[in-house]
Amino acid sequence: MDTGKVGRPVEAFLSVRFNPHRQSLVAPFIQNTLERPEVQEICHLTGPDDFMVRVAAEDISALQRLVLEHFTSRREVAFVHTNIIFQKWGGGPVVPVDQEMARTGGAR
């Protein structure tokens, strides 16, 4: 049933693992992924996941299409884990440690 109401976009973090993880695959993946309008940010990580991708899709169906058509359809992508964002809060800017210590006199 379509009520005609437009909902909020669905925001999510996608953890992406490559197999194999090769340098030659990184730049094309990043370039192609950044061309998607849903993609807000990509981070290349250490640890078991190779990338964290922050996305905003029109709705849950659009998010599913993005994951299936863009990420899991790529040969180098072995795994995608989707974490939907229910709610978020903003924080302050990142302050370099030396500036923070100067501001607080070394107290933490």
PDB file of N, CA and C in Angstrom:
ATOM      1  N   MET A   1       0.832  -1.180   0.000  1.00  0.00           N
ATOM      2  CA  MET A   1       0.000   0.000   0.000  1.00  0.00           C
ATOM      3  C   MET A   1       0.873   1.239   0.000  1.00  0.00           C
ATOM      4  N   ASP A   2       0.726   2.104  -0.961  1.00  0.00           N
ATOM      5  CA  ASP A   2       1.516   3.326  -1.074  1.00  0.00           C
ATOM      6  C   ASP A   2       0.736   4.480  -0.476  1.00  0.00           C
ATOM      7  N   THR A   3       1.282   5.048   0.610  1.00  0.00           N
ATOM      8  CA  THR A   3       0.609   6.167   1.268  1.00  0.00           C
ATOM      9  C   THR A   3       1.040   7.500   0.688  1.00  0.00           C
ATOM     10  N   GLY A   4       2.014   7.476  -0.205  1.00  0.00           N
ATOM     11  CA  GLY A   4       2.494   8.714  -0.810  1.00  0.00           C
ATOM     12  C   GLY A   4       3.495   9.451   0.052  1.00  0.00           C
ATOM     13  N   LYS A   5       3.761   8.940   1.268  1.00  0.00           N
ATOM     14  CA  LYS A   5       4.711   9.594   2.150  1.00  0.00           C
ATOM     15  C   LYS A   5       6.132   9.210   1.748  1.00  0.00           C
ATOM     16  N   VAL A   6       7.011  10.180   1.815  1.00  0.00           N
ATOM     17  CA  VAL A   6       8.420   9.929   1.525  1.00  0.00           C
ATOM     18  C   VAL A   6       9.137   9.774   2.859  1.00  0.00           C
ATOM     19  N   GLY A   7       9.776   8.633   3.062  1.00  0.00           N
ATOM     20  CA  GLY A   7      10.476   8.374   4.314  1.00  0.00           C
ATOM     21  C   GLY A   7      11.895   8.896   4.290  1.00  0.00           C
ATOM     22  N   ARG A   8      12.536   8.756   5.417  1.00  0.00           N
ATOM     23  CA  ARG A   8      13.948   9.115   5.531  1.00  0.00           C
ATOM     24  C   ARG A   8      14.796   8.106   4.774  1.00  0.00           C
ATOM     25  N   PRO A   9      15.912   8.559   4.260  1.00  0.00           N
ATOM     26  CA  PRO A   9      16.827   7.588   3.638  1.00  0.00           C
ATOM     27  C   PRO A   9      17.308   6.575   4.678  1.00  0.00           C
ATOM     28  N   VAL A  10      17.657   5.403   4.208  1.00  0.00           N
ATOM     29  CA  VAL A  10      18.240   4.375   5.064  1.00  0.00           C
ATOM     30  C   VAL A  10      19.747   4.548   4.991  1.00  0.00           C
ATOM     31  N   GLU A  11      20.366   4.743   6.143  1.00  0.00           N
ATOM     32  CA  GLU A  11      21.823   4.878   6.199  1.00  0.00           C
ATOM     33  C   GLU A  11      22.412   3.597   6.765  1.00  0.00           C
ATOM     34  N   ALA A  12      23.583   3.222   6.259  1.00  0.00           N
ATOM     35  CA  ALA A  12      24.212   1.987   6.706  1.00  0.00           C
ATOM     36  C   ALA A  12      25.721   2.065   6.549  1.00  0.00           C
ATOM     37  N   PHE A  13      26.395   1.206   7.299  1.00  0.00           N
ATOM     38  CA  PHE A  13      27.814   0.962   7.119  1.00  0.00           C
ATOM     39  C   PHE A  13      27.943  -0.420   6.499  1.00  0.00           C
ATOM     40  N   LEU A  14      28.708  -0.510   5.429  1.00  0.00           N
ATOM     41  CA  LEU A  14      28.955  -1.786   4.770  1.00  0.00           C
ATOM     42  C   LEU A  14      30.406  -2.186   5.010  1.00  0.00           C
ATOM     43  N   SER A  15      30.604  -3.312   5.662  1.00  0.00           N
ATOM     44  CA  SER A  15      31.939  -3.879   5.819  1.00  0.00           C
ATOM     45  C   SER A  15      32.188  -4.761   4.612  1.00  0.00           C
ATOM     46  N   VAL A  16      33.289  -4.515   3.911  1.00  0.00           N
ATOM     47  CA  VAL A  16      33.570  -5.218   2.659  1.00  0.00           C
ATOM     48  C   VAL A  16      34.916  -5.927   2.769  1.00  0.00           C
ATOM     49  N   ARG A  17      34.930  -7.197   2.382  1.00  0.00           N
ATOM     50  CA  ARG A  17      36.173  -7.973   2.340  1.00  0.00           C
ATOM     51  C   ARG A  17      36.450  -8.394   0.912  1.00  0.00           C
ATOM     52  N   PHE A  18      37.711  -8.278   0.530  1.00  0.00           N
ATOM     53  CA  PHE A  18      38.167  -8.711  -0.783  1.00  0.00           C
ATOM     54  C   PHE A  18      38.739 -10.121  -0.690  1.00  0.00           C
ATOM     55  N   ASN A  19      38.693 -10.837  -1.794  1.00  0.00           N
ATOM     56  CA  ASN A  19      39.421 -12.081  -1.939  1.00  0.00           C
ATOM     57  C   ASN A  19      39.725 -12.243  -3.424  1.00  0.00           C
ATOM     58  N   PRO A  20      40.928 -12.039  -3.830  1.00  0.00           N
ATOM     59  CA  PRO A  20      42.092 -11.691  -3.025  1.00  0.00           C
ATOM     60  C   PRO A  20      42.179 -10.182  -2.798  1.00  0.00           C
ATOM     61  N   HIS A  21      42.913  -9.819  -1.768  1.00  0.00           N
ATOM     62  CA  HIS A  21      43.149  -8.397  -1.503  1.00  0.00           C
ATOM     63  C   HIS A  21      44.461  -8.026  -2.206  1.00  0.00           C
ATOM     64  N   ARG A  22      44.304  -7.431  -3.384  1.00  0.00           N
ATOM     65  CA  ARG A  22      45.460  -7.044  -4.195  1.00  0.00           C
ATOM     66  C   ARG A  22      45.442  -5.551  -4.430  1.00  0.00           C
ATOM     67  N   GLN A  23      46.618  -4.957  -4.432  1.00  0.00           N
ATOM     68  CA  GLN A  23      46.754  -3.518  -4.656  1.00  0.00           C
ATOM     69  C   GLN A  23      46.107  -3.094  -5.973  1.00  0.00           C
ATOM     70  N   SER A  24      46.236  -3.908  -6.988  1.00  0.00           N
ATOM     71  CA  SER A  24      45.698  -3.548  -8.301  1.00  0.00           C
ATOM     72  C   SER A  24      44.165  -3.451  -8.307  1.00  0.00           C
ATOM     73  N   LEU A  25      43.496  -4.038  -7.327  1.00  0.00           N
ATOM     74  CA  LEU A  25      42.039  -4.003  -7.259  1.00  0.00           C
ATOM     75  C   LEU A  25      41.504  -2.837  -6.434  1.00  0.00           C
ATOM     76  N   VAL A  26      42.347  -2.253  -5.584  1.00  0.00           N
ATOM     77  CA  VAL A  26      41.901  -1.231  -4.641  1.00  0.00           C
ATOM     78  C   VAL A  26      41.445   0.044  -5.342  1.00  0.00           C
ATOM     79  N   ALA A  27      42.293   0.636  -6.171  1.00  0.00           N
ATOM     80  CA  ALA A  27      41.955   1.916  -6.813  1.00  0.00           C
ATOM     81  C   ALA A  27      40.710   1.825  -7.696  1.00  0.00           C
ATOM     82  N   PRO A  28      40.574   0.797  -8.548  1.00  0.00           N
ATOM     83  CA  PRO A  28      39.354   0.703  -9.350  1.00  0.00           C
ATOM     84  C   PRO A  28      38.093   0.532  -8.493  1.00  0.00           C
ATOM     85  N   PHE A  29      38.194  -0.250  -7.419  1.00  0.00           N
ATOM     86  CA  PHE A  29      37.048  -0.430  -6.523  1.00  0.00           C
ATOM     87  C   PHE A  29      36.645   0.901  -5.897  1.00  0.00           C
ATOM     88  N   ILE A  30      37.611   1.642  -5.393  1.00  0.00           N
ATOM     89  CA  ILE A  30      37.316   2.932  -4.760  1.00  0.00           C
ATOM     90  C   ILE A  30      36.722   3.898  -5.774  1.00  0.00           C
ATOM     91  N   GLN A  31      37.324   4.010  -6.930  1.00  0.00           N
ATOM     92  CA  GLN A  31      36.832   4.941  -7.952  1.00  0.00           C
ATOM     93  C   GLN A  31      35.402   4.601  -8.356  1.00  0.00           C
ATOM     94  N   ASN A  32      35.157   3.330  -8.653  1.00  0.00           N
ATOM     95  CA  ASN A  32      33.830   2.904  -9.082  1.00  0.00           C
ATOM     96  C   ASN A  32      32.794   3.093  -7.973  1.00  0.00           C
ATOM     97  N   THR A  33      33.183   2.809  -6.742  1.00  0.00           N
ATOM     98  CA  THR A  33      32.263   2.936  -5.614  1.00  0.00           C
ATOM     99  C   THR A  33      31.930   4.397  -5.338  1.00  0.00           C
ATOM    100  N   LEU A  34      32.915   5.274  -5.432  1.00  0.00           N
ATOM    101  CA  LEU A  34      32.661   6.702  -5.192  1.00  0.00           C
ATOM    102  C   LEU A  34      31.761   7.319  -6.260  1.00  0.00           C
ATOM    103  N   GLU A  35      31.638   6.687  -7.402  1.00  0.00           N
ATOM    104  CA  GLU A  35      30.744   7.183  -8.454  1.00  0.00           C
ATOM    105  C   GLU A  35      29.276   6.916  -8.128  1.00  0.00           C
ATOM    106  N   ARG A  36      29.009   6.038  -7.175  1.00  0.00           N
ATOM    107  CA  ARG A  36      27.633   5.741  -6.774  1.00  0.00           C
ATOM    108  C   ARG A  36      27.094   6.888  -5.921  1.00  0.00           C
ATOM    109  N   PRO A  37      25.918   7.423  -6.239  1.00  0.00           N
ATOM    110  CA  PRO A  37      25.389   8.555  -5.471  1.00  0.00           C
ATOM    111  C   PRO A  37      25.055   8.204  -4.023  1.00  0.00           C
ATOM    112  N   GLU A  38      24.855   6.924  -3.728  1.00  0.00           N
ATOM    113  CA  GLU A  38      24.526   6.514  -2.355  1.00  0.00           C
ATOM    114  C   GLU A  38      25.736   6.543  -1.424  1.00  0.00           C
ATOM    115  N   VAL A  39      26.926   6.513  -1.998  1.00  0.00           N
ATOM    116  CA  VAL A  39      28.142   6.389  -1.193  1.00  0.00           C
ATOM    117  C   VAL A  39      28.540   7.736  -0.606  1.00  0.00           C
ATOM    118  N   GLN A  40      28.651   7.754   0.713  1.00  0.00           N
ATOM    119  CA  GLN A  40      29.032   8.958   1.439  1.00  0.00           C
ATOM    120  C   GLN A  40      30.532   9.003   1.751  1.00  0.00           C
ATOM    121  N   GLU A  41      31.097   7.825   2.014  1.00  0.00           N
ATOM    122  CA  GLU A  41      32.493   7.776   2.464  1.00  0.00           C
ATOM    123  C   GLU A  41      33.007   6.347   2.356  1.00  0.00           C
ATOM    124  N   ILE A  42      34.299   6.205   2.047  1.00  0.00           N
ATOM    125  CA  ILE A  42      34.960   4.894   2.033  1.00  0.00           C
ATOM    126  C   ILE A  42      36.213   4.997   2.887  1.00  0.00           C
ATOM    127  N   CYS A  43      36.426   3.991   3.727  1.00  0.00           N
ATOM    128  CA  CYS A  43      37.654   3.905   4.522  1.00  0.00           C
ATOM    129  C   CYS A  43      38.327   2.575   4.219  1.00  0.00           C
ATOM    130  N   HIS A  44      39.626   2.604   3.954  1.00  0.00           N
ATOM    131  CA  HIS A  44      40.423   1.390   3.752  1.00  0.00           C
ATOM    132  C   HIS A  44      40.957   1.028   5.131  1.00  0.00           C
ATOM    133  N   LEU A  45      40.749  -0.209   5.568  1.00  0.00           N
ATOM    134  CA  LEU A  45      40.995  -0.606   6.953  1.00  0.00           C
ATOM    135  C   LEU A  45      42.089  -1.649   7.104  1.00  0.00           C
ATOM    136  N   THR A  46      42.561  -1.774   8.331  1.00  0.00           N
ATOM    137  CA  THR A  46      43.336  -2.947   8.729  1.00  0.00           C
ATOM    138  C   THR A  46      42.351  -3.923   9.361  1.00  0.00           C
ATOM    139  N   GLY A  47      42.788  -5.131   9.620  1.00  0.00           N
ATOM    140  CA  GLY A  47      41.911  -6.102  10.264  1.00  0.00           C
ATOM    141  C   GLY A  47      41.202  -6.981   9.254  1.00  0.00           C
ATOM    142  N   PRO A  48      40.178  -7.709   9.705  1.00  0.00           N
ATOM    143  CA  PRO A  48      39.528  -8.680   8.824  1.00  0.00           C
ATOM    144  C   PRO A  48      38.753  -8.040   7.670  1.00  0.00           C
ATOM    145  N   ASP A  49      38.198  -6.854   7.878  1.00  0.00           N
ATOM    146  CA  ASP A  49      37.484  -6.171   6.802  1.00  0.00           C
ATOM    147  C   ASP A  49      38.435  -5.232   6.077  1.00  0.00           C
ATOM    148  N   ASP A  50      38.296  -5.164   4.766  1.00  0.00           N
ATOM    149  CA  ASP A  50      39.193  -4.335   3.960  1.00  0.00           C
ATOM    150  C   ASP A  50      38.689  -2.900   3.811  1.00  0.00           C
ATOM    151  N   PHE A  51      37.364  -2.741   3.773  1.00  0.00           N
ATOM    152  CA  PHE A  51      36.782  -1.413   3.595  1.00  0.00           C
ATOM    153  C   PHE A  51      35.560  -1.259   4.476  1.00  0.00           C
ATOM    154  N   MET A  52      35.314  -0.030   4.903  1.00  0.00           N
ATOM    155  CA  MET A  52      34.061   0.352   5.536  1.00  0.00           C
ATOM    156  C   MET A  52      33.484   1.437   4.631  1.00  0.00           C
ATOM    157  N   VAL A  53      32.258   1.222   4.157  1.00  0.00           N
ATOM    158  CA  VAL A  53      31.617   2.152   3.236  1.00  0.00           C
ATOM    159  C   VAL A  53      30.351   2.676   3.908  1.00  0.00           C
ATOM    160  N   ARG A  54      30.254   3.988   4.063  1.00  0.00           N
ATOM    161  CA  ARG A  54      29.044   4.603   4.616  1.00  0.00           C
ATOM    162  C   ARG A  54      28.149   4.992   3.451  1.00  0.00           C
ATOM    163  N   VAL A  55      26.885   4.525   3.488  1.00  0.00           N
ATOM    164  CA  VAL A  55      25.955   4.774   2.389  1.00  0.00           C
ATOM    165  C   VAL A  55      24.641   5.328   2.918  1.00  0.00           C
ATOM    166  N   ALA A  56      23.905   5.992   2.031  1.00  0.00           N
ATOM    167  CA  ALA A  56      22.541   6.444   2.302  1.00  0.00           C
ATOM    168  C   ALA A  56      21.716   6.099   1.070  1.00  0.00           C
ATOM    169  N   ALA A  57      20.716   5.242   1.247  1.00  0.00           N
ATOM    170  CA  ALA A  57      19.856   4.817   0.148  1.00  0.00           C
ATOM    171  C   ALA A  57      18.442   5.332   0.376  1.00  0.00           C
ATOM    172  N   GLU A  58      17.686   5.410  -0.695  1.00  0.00           N
ATOM    173  CA  GLU A  58      16.314   5.932  -0.658  1.00  0.00           C
ATOM    174  C   GLU A  58      15.430   5.152   0.323  1.00  0.00           C
ATOM    175  N   ASP A  59      15.575   3.841   0.330  1.00  0.00           N
ATOM    176  CA  ASP A  59      14.796   2.982   1.220  1.00  0.00           C
ATOM    177  C   ASP A  59      15.514   1.640   1.331  1.00  0.00           C
ATOM    178  N   ILE A  60      14.917   0.710   2.069  1.00  0.00           N
ATOM    179  CA  ILE A  60      15.581  -0.576   2.297  1.00  0.00           C
ATOM    180  C   ILE A  60      15.744  -1.359   1.002  1.00  0.00           C
ATOM    181  N   SER A  61      14.786  -1.253   0.086  1.00  0.00           N
ATOM    182  CA  SER A  61      14.905  -1.946  -1.201  1.00  0.00           C
ATOM    183  C   SER A  61      16.057  -1.389  -2.025  1.00  0.00           C
ATOM    184  N   ALA A  62      16.234  -0.077  -1.984  1.00  0.00           N
ATOM    185  CA  ALA A  62      17.353   0.550  -2.702  1.00  0.00           C
ATOM    186  C   ALA A  62      18.685   0.137  -2.089  1.00  0.00           C
ATOM    187  N   LEU A  63      18.725   0.005  -0.767  1.00  0.00           N
ATOM    188  CA  LEU A  63      19.945  -0.455  -0.100  1.00  0.00           C
ATOM    189  C   LEU A  63      20.257  -1.892  -0.524  1.00  0.00           C
ATOM    190  N   GLN A  64      19.254  -2.731  -0.564  1.00  0.00           N
ATOM    191  CA  GLN A  64      19.457  -4.114  -0.985  1.00  0.00           C
ATOM    192  C   GLN A  64      19.974  -4.179  -2.421  1.00  0.00           C
ATOM    193  N   ARG A  65      19.386  -3.381  -3.318  1.00  0.00           N
ATOM    194  CA  ARG A  65      19.852  -3.356  -4.712  1.00  0.00           C
ATOM    195  C   ARG A  65      21.306  -2.906  -4.787  1.00  0.00           C
ATOM    196  N   LEU A  66      21.659  -1.877  -4.026  1.00  0.00           N
ATOM    197  CA  LEU A  66      23.042  -1.391  -4.017  1.00  0.00           C
ATOM    198  C   LEU A  66      24.002  -2.506  -3.604  1.00  0.00           C
ATOM    199  N   VAL A  67      23.688  -3.190  -2.524  1.00  0.00           N
ATOM    200  CA  VAL A  67      24.566  -4.258  -2.036  1.00  0.00           C
ATOM    201  C   VAL A  67      24.680  -5.377  -3.068  1.00  0.00           C
ATOM    202  N   LEU A  68      23.549  -5.801  -3.622  1.00  0.00           N
ATOM    203  CA  LEU A  68      23.568  -6.925  -4.558  1.00  0.00           C
ATOM    204  C   LEU A  68      24.145  -6.559  -5.921  1.00  0.00           C
ATOM    205  N   GLU A  69      23.785  -5.397  -6.441  1.00  0.00           N
ATOM    206  CA  GLU A  69      24.204  -5.033  -7.798  1.00  0.00           C
ATOM    207  C   GLU A  69      25.583  -4.393  -7.868  1.00  0.00           C
ATOM    208  N   HIS A  70      25.978  -3.682  -6.836  1.00  0.00           N
ATOM    209  CA  HIS A  70      27.287  -3.026  -6.915  1.00  0.00           C
ATOM    210  C   HIS A  70      28.373  -3.789  -6.165  1.00  0.00           C
ATOM    211  N   PHE A  71      28.079  -4.262  -4.971  1.00  0.00           N
ATOM    212  CA  PHE A  71      29.140  -4.856  -4.154  1.00  0.00           C
ATOM    213  C   PHE A  71      29.287  -6.360  -4.369  1.00  0.00           C
ATOM    214  N   THR A  72      28.257  -7.143  -4.108  1.00  0.00           N
ATOM    215  CA  THR A  72      28.429  -8.598  -4.178  1.00  0.00           C
ATOM    216  C   THR A  72      28.565  -9.121  -5.601  1.00  0.00           C
ATOM    217  N   SER A  73      28.248  -8.292  -6.584  1.00  0.00           N
ATOM    218  CA  SER A  73      28.426  -8.723  -7.981  1.00  0.00           C
ATOM    219  C   SER A  73      29.876  -8.587  -8.456  1.00  0.00           C
ATOM    220  N   ARG A  74      30.708  -7.919  -7.681  1.00  0.00           N
ATOM    221  CA  ARG A  74      32.116  -7.738  -8.064  1.00  0.00           C
ATOM    222  C   ARG A  74      32.908  -9.004  -7.710  1.00  0.00           C
ATOM    223  N   ARG A  75      33.739  -9.458  -8.629  1.00  0.00           N
ATOM    224  CA  ARG A  75      34.507 -10.695  -8.401  1.00  0.00           C
ATOM    225  C   ARG A  75      35.419 -10.620  -7.186  1.00  0.00           C
ATOM    226  N   GLU A  76      36.003  -9.453  -6.941  1.00  0.00           N
ATOM    227  CA  GLU A  76      36.954  -9.345  -5.835  1.00  0.00           C
ATOM    228  C   GLU A  76      36.279  -9.238  -4.466  1.00  0.00           C
ATOM    229  N   VAL A  77      34.981  -8.971  -4.426  1.00  0.00           N
ATOM    230  CA  VAL A  77      34.279  -8.840  -3.148  1.00  0.00           C
ATOM    231  C   VAL A  77      33.821 -10.219  -2.692  1.00  0.00           C
ATOM    232  N   ALA A  78      34.379 -10.656  -1.556  1.00  0.00           N
ATOM    233  CA  ALA A  78      34.062 -11.971  -1.008  1.00  0.00           C
ATOM    234  C   ALA A  78      32.968 -11.896   0.049  1.00  0.00           C
ATOM    235  N   PHE A  79      32.776 -10.723   0.671  1.00  0.00           N
ATOM    236  CA  PHE A  79      31.884 -10.629   1.827  1.00  0.00           C
ATOM    237  C   PHE A  79      31.431  -9.191   1.994  1.00  0.00           C
ATOM    238  N   VAL A  80      30.153  -9.006   2.270  1.00  0.00           N
ATOM    239  CA  VAL A  80      29.611  -7.688   2.625  1.00  0.00           C
ATOM    240  C   VAL A  80      28.721  -7.884   3.844  1.00  0.00           C
ATOM    241  N   HIS A  81      29.001  -7.139   4.888  1.00  0.00           N
ATOM    242  CA  HIS A  81      28.165  -7.160   6.097  1.00  0.00           C
ATOM    243  C   HIS A  81      27.526  -5.785   6.221  1.00  0.00           C
ATOM    244  N   THR A  82      26.204  -5.740   6.303  1.00  0.00           N
ATOM    245  CA  THR A  82      25.469  -4.482   6.340  1.00  0.00           C
ATOM    246  C   THR A  82      25.002  -4.179   7.755  1.00  0.00           C
ATOM    247  N   ASN A  83      25.371  -3.008   8.258  1.00  0.00           N
ATOM    248  CA  ASN A  83      24.893  -2.513   9.549  1.00  0.00           C
ATOM    249  C   ASN A  83      24.054  -1.278   9.292  1.00  0.00           C
ATOM    250  N   ILE A  84      22.743  -1.383   9.515  1.00  0.00           N
ATOM    251  CA  ILE A  84      21.845  -0.247   9.302  1.00  0.00           C
ATOM    252  C   ILE A  84      21.932   0.680  10.505  1.00  0.00           C
ATOM    253  N   ILE A  85      21.979   1.965  10.236  1.00  0.00           N
ATOM    254  CA  ILE A  85      22.067   2.970  11.293  1.00  0.00           C
ATOM    255  C   ILE A  85      20.658   3.324  11.750  1.00  0.00           C
ATOM    256  N   PHE A  86      20.349   3.057  13.016  1.00  0.00           N
ATOM    257  CA  PHE A  86      19.055   3.436  13.575  1.00  0.00           C
ATOM    258  C   PHE A  86      19.030   4.916  13.949  1.00  0.00           C
ATOM    259  N   GLN A  87      20.102   5.356  14.585  1.00  0.00           N
ATOM    260  CA  GLN A  87      20.171   6.721  15.104  1.00  0.00           C
ATOM    261  C   GLN A  87      21.635   7.119  15.171  1.00  0.00           C
ATOM    262  N   LYS A  88      21.909   8.417  15.102  1.00  0.00           N
ATOM    263  CA  LYS A  88      23.302   8.853  15.199  1.00  0.00           C
ATOM    264  C   LYS A  88      23.383  10.185  15.929  1.00  0.00           C
ATOM    265  N   TRP A  89      24.548  10.434  16.487  1.00  0.00           N
ATOM    266  CA  TRP A  89      24.823  11.655  17.209  1.00  0.00           C
ATOM    267  C   TRP A  89      26.124  12.229  16.683  1.00  0.00           C
ATOM    268  N   GLY A  90      26.223  13.538  16.635  1.00  0.00           N
ATOM    269  CA  GLY A  90      27.446  14.191  16.168  1.00  0.00           C
ATOM    270  C   GLY A  90      28.410  14.399  17.311  1.00  0.00           C
ATOM    271  N   GLY A  91      29.659  14.487  16.979  1.00  0.00           N
ATOM    272  CA  GLY A  91      30.704  14.786  17.947  1.00  0.00           C
ATOM    273  C   GLY A  91      31.488  15.984  17.464  1.00  0.00           C
ATOM    274  N   GLY A  92      32.432  16.377  18.244  1.00  0.00           N
ATOM    275  CA  GLY A  92      33.273  17.508  17.863  1.00  0.00           C
ATOM    276  C   GLY A  92      34.331  17.086  16.868  1.00  0.00           C
ATOM    277  N   PRO A  93      35.079  18.053  16.381  1.00  0.00           N
ATOM    278  CA  PRO A  93      36.160  17.737  15.443  1.00  0.00           C
ATOM    279  C   PRO A  93      37.282  16.981  16.140  1.00  0.00           C
ATOM    280  N   VAL A  94      38.037  16.249  15.355  1.00  0.00           N
ATOM    281  CA  VAL A  94      39.200  15.549  15.885  1.00  0.00           C
ATOM    282  C   VAL A  94      40.268  16.587  16.209  1.00  0.00           C
ATOM    283  N   VAL A  95      40.757  16.545  17.439  1.00  0.00           N
ATOM    284  CA  VAL A  95      41.772  17.491  17.879  1.00  0.00           C
ATOM    285  C   VAL A  95      43.082  16.728  18.048  1.00  0.00           C
ATOM    286  N   PRO A  96      44.158  17.187  17.410  1.00  0.00           N
ATOM    287  CA  PRO A  96      45.442  16.516  17.604  1.00  0.00           C
ATOM    288  C   PRO A  96      45.819  16.472  19.086  1.00  0.00           C
ATOM    289  N   VAL A  97      46.475  15.397  19.499  1.00  0.00           N
ATOM    290  CA  VAL A  97      46.804  15.188  20.910  1.00  0.00           C
ATOM    291  C   VAL A  97      47.577  16.355  21.487  1.00  0.00           C
ATOM    292  N   ASP A  98      48.569  16.900  20.773  1.00  0.00           N
ATOM    293  CA  ASP A  98      49.366  17.991  21.338  1.00  0.00           C
ATOM    294  C   ASP A  98      48.519  19.237  21.590  1.00  0.00           C
ATOM    295  N   GLN A  99      47.540  19.531  20.749  1.00  0.00           N
ATOM    296  CA  GLN A  99      46.657  20.675  20.974  1.00  0.00           C
ATOM    297  C   GLN A  99      45.750  20.428  22.166  1.00  0.00           C
ATOM    298  N   GLU A 100      45.260  19.206  22.316  1.00  0.00           N
ATOM    299  CA  GLU A 100      44.396  18.865  23.440  1.00  0.00           C
ATOM    300  C   GLU A 100      45.171  18.982  24.743  1.00  0.00           C
ATOM    301  N   MET A 101      46.414  18.508  24.763  1.00  0.00           N
ATOM    302  CA  MET A 101      47.230  18.598  25.980  1.00  0.00           C
ATOM    303  C   MET A 101      47.542  20.044  26.316  1.00  0.00           C
ATOM    304  N   ALA A 102      47.796  20.870  25.298  1.00  0.00           N
ATOM    305  CA  ALA A 102      48.054  22.291  25.540  1.00  0.00           C
ATOM    306  C   ALA A 102      46.814  22.973  26.104  1.00  0.00           C
ATOM    307  N   ARG A 103      45.666  22.630  25.593  1.00  0.00           N
ATOM    308  CA  ARG A 103      44.408  23.236  26.043  1.00  0.00           C
ATOM    309  C   ARG A 103      44.082  22.868  27.475  1.00  0.00           C
ATOM    310  N   THR A 104      44.345  21.625  27.863  1.00  0.00           N
ATOM    311  CA  THR A 104      43.980  21.147  29.195  1.00  0.00           C
ATOM    312  C   THR A 104      45.153  21.159  30.167  1.00  0.00           C
ATOM    313  N   GLY A 105      46.305  21.600  29.723  1.00  0.00           N
ATOM    314  CA  GLY A 105      47.472  21.601  30.595  1.00  0.00           C
ATOM    315  C   GLY A 105      47.997  20.213  30.892  1.00  0.00           C
ATOM    316  N   GLY A 106      47.725  19.276  29.969  1.00  0.00           N
ATOM    317  CA  GLY A 106      48.207  17.912  30.122  1.00  0.00           C
ATOM    318  C   GLY A 106      47.237  17.004  30.853  1.00  0.00           C
ATOM    319  N   ALA A 107      46.151  17.561  31.404  1.00  0.00           N
ATOM    320  CA  ALA A 107      45.161  16.746  32.121  1.00  0.00           C
ATOM    321  C   ALA A 107      44.248  16.049  31.119  1.00  0.00           C
ATOM    322  N   ARG A 108      43.822  14.885  31.486  1.00  0.00           N
ATOM    323  CA  ARG A 108      42.888  14.141  30.625  1.00  0.00           C
ATOM    324  C   ARG A 108      41.627  13.838  31.367  1.00  0.00           C
TER     325      ARG A 108
END
